[in-house]
């Protein structure tokens, strides 16, 4: 039986040597079977880390939020027959804010060996750079899109944050500005907010301030990759 390798991917930059260990690159280059969130981004990443990567010799299986459970049953056939396989997210580590956890759970049921590989996670990098509570924290993924529902959720998170539990969440780049506006409108002036933008990229910016300070000069976040943390 083969193994499933959990493959880290860059957080959007091309300087992969800065964030991906050489051993991880060697393992990734050796694989020919991949379960991926998006085939185009997976192929692009493999060609980034190896311009001569034999894409045509590879087989890709798509696993995203639209993939039905019935469709992924055969994805592990190659592993069961002795071949290793890689699991890739579009960015960062698979299984966090990513549908890859479904195939990992299925692999455990089939007694397949899971091998996590070290690489960047915007969530963890934001937390350790924030100065907020790294002992007690929650990752909440994406918050509701509707303004009223988003406001209610932010109030819930702020309540937990003010009890000492750092609350991490994210938004899609084109809705980041609306999210920030909601946070600054709803949260109390003395609540801490970390805005971690474009982590590992040349435009990286990580700053923690109180809501009252952010209100004086809100940053422009539209189109950027952002992690928010309240406490």
Protein backbone atom coordinates (compact mmCIF):
# COMPACT_ATOMS: atom_id res chain seq x y z
CA UNK A 1 0.00 0.00 0.00
CA UNK A 2 1.21 3.50 -0.81
CA UNK A 3 1.03 6.65 1.32
CA UNK A 4 -0.77 9.99 1.08
CA UNK A 5 1.55 12.99 1.27
CA UNK A 6 -0.01 16.27 2.43
CA UNK A 7 1.78 18.73 0.14
CA UNK A 8 2.23 22.38 1.10
CA UNK A 9 1.91 25.00 -1.64
CA UNK A 10 3.11 28.60 -1.68
CA UNK A 11 0.65 31.28 -0.53
CA UNK A 12 0.62 32.94 -3.93
CA UNK A 13 4.24 33.90 -4.53
CA UNK A 14 6.73 32.47 -7.01
CA UNK A 15 9.69 32.39 -4.62
CA UNK A 16 9.02 28.80 -3.53
CA UNK A 17 12.53 28.28 -2.14
CA UNK A 18 11.73 30.88 0.52
CA UNK A 19 8.86 28.89 2.03
CA UNK A 20 9.06 25.24 0.89
CA UNK A 21 11.80 22.96 2.34
CA UNK A 22 14.04 21.17 -0.19
CA UNK A 23 13.04 17.73 1.12
CA UNK A 24 9.38 18.59 0.52
CA UNK A 25 10.18 19.71 -3.02
CA UNK A 26 12.02 16.44 -3.68
CA UNK A 27 9.06 14.36 -2.50
CA UNK A 28 6.58 16.45 -4.49
CA UNK A 29 8.63 16.11 -7.67
CA UNK A 30 8.68 12.32 -7.26
CA UNK A 31 4.89 11.90 -7.24
CA UNK A 32 2.71 11.20 -10.27
CA UNK A 33 -0.75 10.94 -8.69
CA UNK A 34 -2.40 13.97 -7.10
CA UNK A 35 -5.69 14.87 -5.46
CA UNK A 36 -6.08 18.62 -5.98
CA UNK A 37 -8.53 21.42 -5.36
CA UNK A 38 -7.97 22.86 -8.83
CA UNK A 39 -6.10 21.16 -11.67
CA UNK A 40 -4.84 24.34 -13.35
CA UNK A 41 -3.33 25.78 -10.17
CA UNK A 42 -1.83 22.37 -9.30
CA UNK A 43 -0.18 22.04 -12.71
CA UNK A 44 1.08 25.62 -12.47
CA UNK A 45 2.64 24.96 -9.07
CA UNK A 46 4.33 21.74 -10.20
CA UNK A 47 5.83 23.55 -13.20
CA UNK A 48 6.93 26.35 -10.88
CA UNK A 49 8.98 24.02 -8.69
CA UNK A 50 10.29 22.05 -11.67
CA UNK A 51 10.16 23.51 -15.19
CA UNK A 52 10.68 19.99 -16.60
CA UNK A 53 8.02 18.35 -14.40
CA UNK A 54 6.36 15.56 -16.46
CA UNK A 55 2.78 16.83 -16.23
CA UNK A 56 1.60 14.52 -19.00
CA UNK A 57 2.70 11.49 -16.97
CA UNK A 58 0.53 12.54 -14.02
CA UNK A 59 -3.05 11.82 -13.08
CA UNK A 60 -5.09 14.42 -11.22
CA UNK A 61 -8.28 13.93 -9.22
CA UNK A 62 -10.35 16.99 -8.34
CA UNK A 63 -11.60 17.42 -4.78
CA UNK A 64 -13.39 20.69 -4.06
CA UNK A 65 -16.56 21.84 -2.32
CA UNK A 66 -18.62 20.67 -5.31
CA UNK A 67 -17.23 17.10 -5.42
CA UNK A 68 -19.87 14.56 -4.39
CA UNK A 69 -18.94 11.95 -1.80
CA UNK A 70 -19.83 9.19 -4.22
CA UNK A 71 -17.30 10.53 -6.74
CA UNK A 72 -14.24 10.29 -4.50
CA UNK A 73 -14.53 6.61 -3.61
CA UNK A 74 -12.08 5.53 -6.34
CA UNK A 75 -9.56 8.33 -5.74
CA UNK A 76 -7.48 6.12 -3.47
CA UNK A 77 -7.26 3.12 -5.80
CA UNK A 78 -3.69 3.92 -6.84
CA UNK A 79 -2.62 4.14 -3.19
CA UNK A 80 -4.31 0.85 -2.34
CA UNK A 81 -2.41 -0.68 -5.27
CA UNK A 82 0.96 0.51 -3.95
CA UNK A 83 1.53 3.99 -5.39
CA UNK A 84 2.14 7.14 -3.36
CA UNK A 85 -0.16 10.11 -3.89
CA UNK A 86 -0.07 13.81 -3.07
CA UNK A 87 -2.92 15.91 -1.68
CA UNK A 88 -2.70 19.61 -2.59
CA UNK A 89 -4.71 22.70 -1.69
CA UNK A 90 -4.68 25.78 -3.91
CA UNK A 91 -2.51 27.54 -1.33
CA UNK A 92 -0.90 26.66 1.98
CA UNK A 93 -1.57 23.36 3.71
CA UNK A 94 -4.30 20.92 2.63
CA UNK A 95 -7.10 20.20 5.08
CA UNK A 96 -7.27 23.69 6.63
CA UNK A 97 -10.03 25.84 5.11
CA UNK A 98 -9.80 23.24 2.37
CA UNK A 99 -11.89 20.18 1.36
CA UNK A 100 -8.86 17.86 1.56
CA UNK A 101 -9.87 16.71 5.04
CA UNK A 102 -12.49 14.49 3.39
CA UNK A 103 -9.89 12.35 1.61
CA UNK A 104 -7.69 12.23 4.73
CA UNK A 105 -10.65 10.92 6.76
CA UNK A 106 -11.33 8.29 4.10
CA UNK A 107 -7.64 7.32 4.10
CA UNK A 108 -7.74 6.68 7.84
CA UNK A 109 -10.75 4.43 7.37
CA UNK A 110 -8.73 2.39 4.86
CA UNK A 111 -5.60 2.32 7.10
CA UNK A 112 -3.60 4.34 4.59
CA UNK A 113 -0.51 6.06 5.96
CA UNK A 114 -0.81 9.87 6.05
CA UNK A 115 2.45 11.86 5.85
CA UNK A 116 2.17 15.63 6.52
CA UNK A 117 4.90 17.79 4.98
CA UNK A 118 6.09 21.09 6.42
CA UNK A 119 5.16 24.31 4.67
CA UNK A 120 3.42 27.67 5.03
CA UNK A 121 0.03 28.16 6.68
CA UNK A 122 -1.29 31.73 6.54
CA UNK A 123 -3.45 31.00 9.59
CA UNK A 124 -0.60 29.89 11.85
CA UNK A 125 1.85 32.47 10.50
CA UNK A 126 -0.69 35.21 11.18
CA UNK A 127 -1.33 33.97 14.70
CA UNK A 128 2.31 33.73 15.75
CA UNK A 129 2.94 37.20 14.30
CA UNK A 130 -0.05 38.82 15.96
CA UNK A 131 1.04 38.93 19.60
CA UNK A 132 -2.38 37.51 20.49
CA UNK A 133 -3.16 34.32 22.41
CA UNK A 134 -1.41 31.36 20.81
CA UNK A 135 -2.40 29.07 23.70
CA UNK A 136 -6.17 29.40 23.27
CA UNK A 137 -7.56 30.24 19.85
CA UNK A 138 -10.20 29.22 17.32
CA UNK A 139 -10.16 29.25 13.54
CA UNK A 140 -13.61 30.14 12.23
CA UNK A 141 -13.07 30.00 8.47
CA UNK A 142 -15.30 32.26 6.39
CA UNK A 143 -18.00 34.32 8.09
CA UNK A 144 -21.51 34.78 6.64
CA UNK A 145 -21.82 36.96 3.56
CA UNK A 146 -25.14 38.65 4.42
CA UNK A 147 -24.45 41.82 6.44
CA UNK A 148 -26.89 41.03 9.26
CA UNK A 149 -25.63 37.47 9.66
CA UNK A 150 -22.02 38.65 9.47
CA UNK A 151 -22.67 41.26 12.15
CA UNK A 152 -24.24 38.69 14.47
CA UNK A 153 -21.30 36.34 13.98
CA UNK A 154 -18.76 39.09 14.62
CA UNK A 155 -20.48 39.91 17.91
CA UNK A 156 -20.25 36.25 18.92
CA UNK A 157 -16.55 36.10 18.02
CA UNK A 158 -15.77 39.34 19.82
CA UNK A 159 -17.42 38.03 22.98
CA UNK A 160 -15.18 34.93 22.88
CA UNK A 161 -12.16 37.06 22.00
CA UNK A 162 -12.66 39.31 24.99
CA UNK A 163 -12.69 36.22 27.20
CA UNK A 164 -9.09 35.66 26.08
CA UNK A 165 -9.55 33.30 23.12
CA UNK A 166 -8.04 34.63 19.90
CA UNK A 167 -10.58 34.35 17.07
CA UNK A 168 -9.14 33.81 13.59
CA UNK A 169 -11.20 34.16 10.41
CA UNK A 170 -10.82 35.05 6.76
CA UNK A 171 -12.67 36.44 3.76
CA UNK A 172 -12.34 36.27 0.00
CA UNK A 173 -10.09 39.04 -1.39
CA UNK A 174 -12.91 40.92 -3.14
CA UNK A 175 -14.97 41.11 0.09
CA UNK A 176 -12.14 42.01 2.47
CA UNK A 177 -13.02 45.70 2.55
CA UNK A 178 -16.63 45.02 3.50
CA UNK A 179 -15.43 42.68 6.23
CA UNK A 180 -13.10 45.32 7.64
CA UNK A 181 -15.87 47.91 7.56
CA UNK A 182 -18.15 45.55 9.50
CA UNK A 183 -15.45 44.83 12.08
CA UNK A 184 -14.70 48.51 12.65
CA UNK A 185 -18.39 49.36 12.93
CA UNK A 186 -19.42 46.51 15.24
CA UNK A 187 -16.48 45.77 17.54
CA UNK A 188 -15.65 47.72 20.68
CA UNK A 189 -12.88 50.37 20.52
CA UNK A 190 -10.58 48.51 22.93
CA UNK A 191 -10.79 45.13 21.16
CA UNK A 192 -7.53 44.09 19.48
CA UNK A 193 -7.54 43.36 15.76
CA UNK A 194 -4.68 41.82 13.81
CA UNK A 195 -4.78 42.29 10.04
CA UNK A 196 -2.28 39.97 8.34
CA UNK A 197 -2.11 40.61 4.60
CA UNK A 198 -0.25 38.82 1.80
CA UNK A 199 1.82 36.64 4.14
CA UNK A 200 5.16 35.51 2.59
CA UNK A 201 4.61 37.83 -0.41
CA UNK A 202 6.62 40.99 -1.15
CA UNK A 203 3.58 43.07 -0.10
CA UNK A 204 3.30 41.33 3.30
CA UNK A 205 1.87 43.44 6.11
CA UNK A 206 1.05 42.22 9.64
CA UNK A 207 -0.17 44.67 12.26
CA UNK A 208 -2.11 44.38 15.53
CA UNK A 209 -3.87 47.45 16.95
CA UNK A 210 -7.00 48.29 18.86
CA UNK A 211 -10.17 48.91 16.88
CA UNK A 212 -10.06 52.58 17.87
CA UNK A 213 -6.65 52.91 16.20
CA UNK A 214 -7.71 51.07 13.03
CA UNK A 215 -10.70 53.42 12.71
CA UNK A 216 -8.39 56.43 12.33
CA UNK A 217 -6.88 55.11 9.09
CA UNK A 218 -8.43 51.88 7.75
CA UNK A 219 -6.16 50.06 5.27
CA UNK A 220 -7.19 49.19 1.73
CA UNK A 221 -7.60 45.41 1.68
CA UNK A 222 -9.57 44.69 -1.48
CA UNK A 223 -7.78 42.14 -3.63
CA UNK A 224 -5.30 41.16 -0.91
CA UNK A 225 -4.99 37.83 0.91
CA UNK A 226 -5.99 38.59 4.50
CA UNK A 227 -6.28 36.80 7.83
CA UNK A 228 -8.18 38.63 10.60
CA UNK A 229 -7.68 37.91 14.31
CA UNK A 230 -9.75 39.40 17.15
CA UNK A 231 -8.91 39.40 20.84
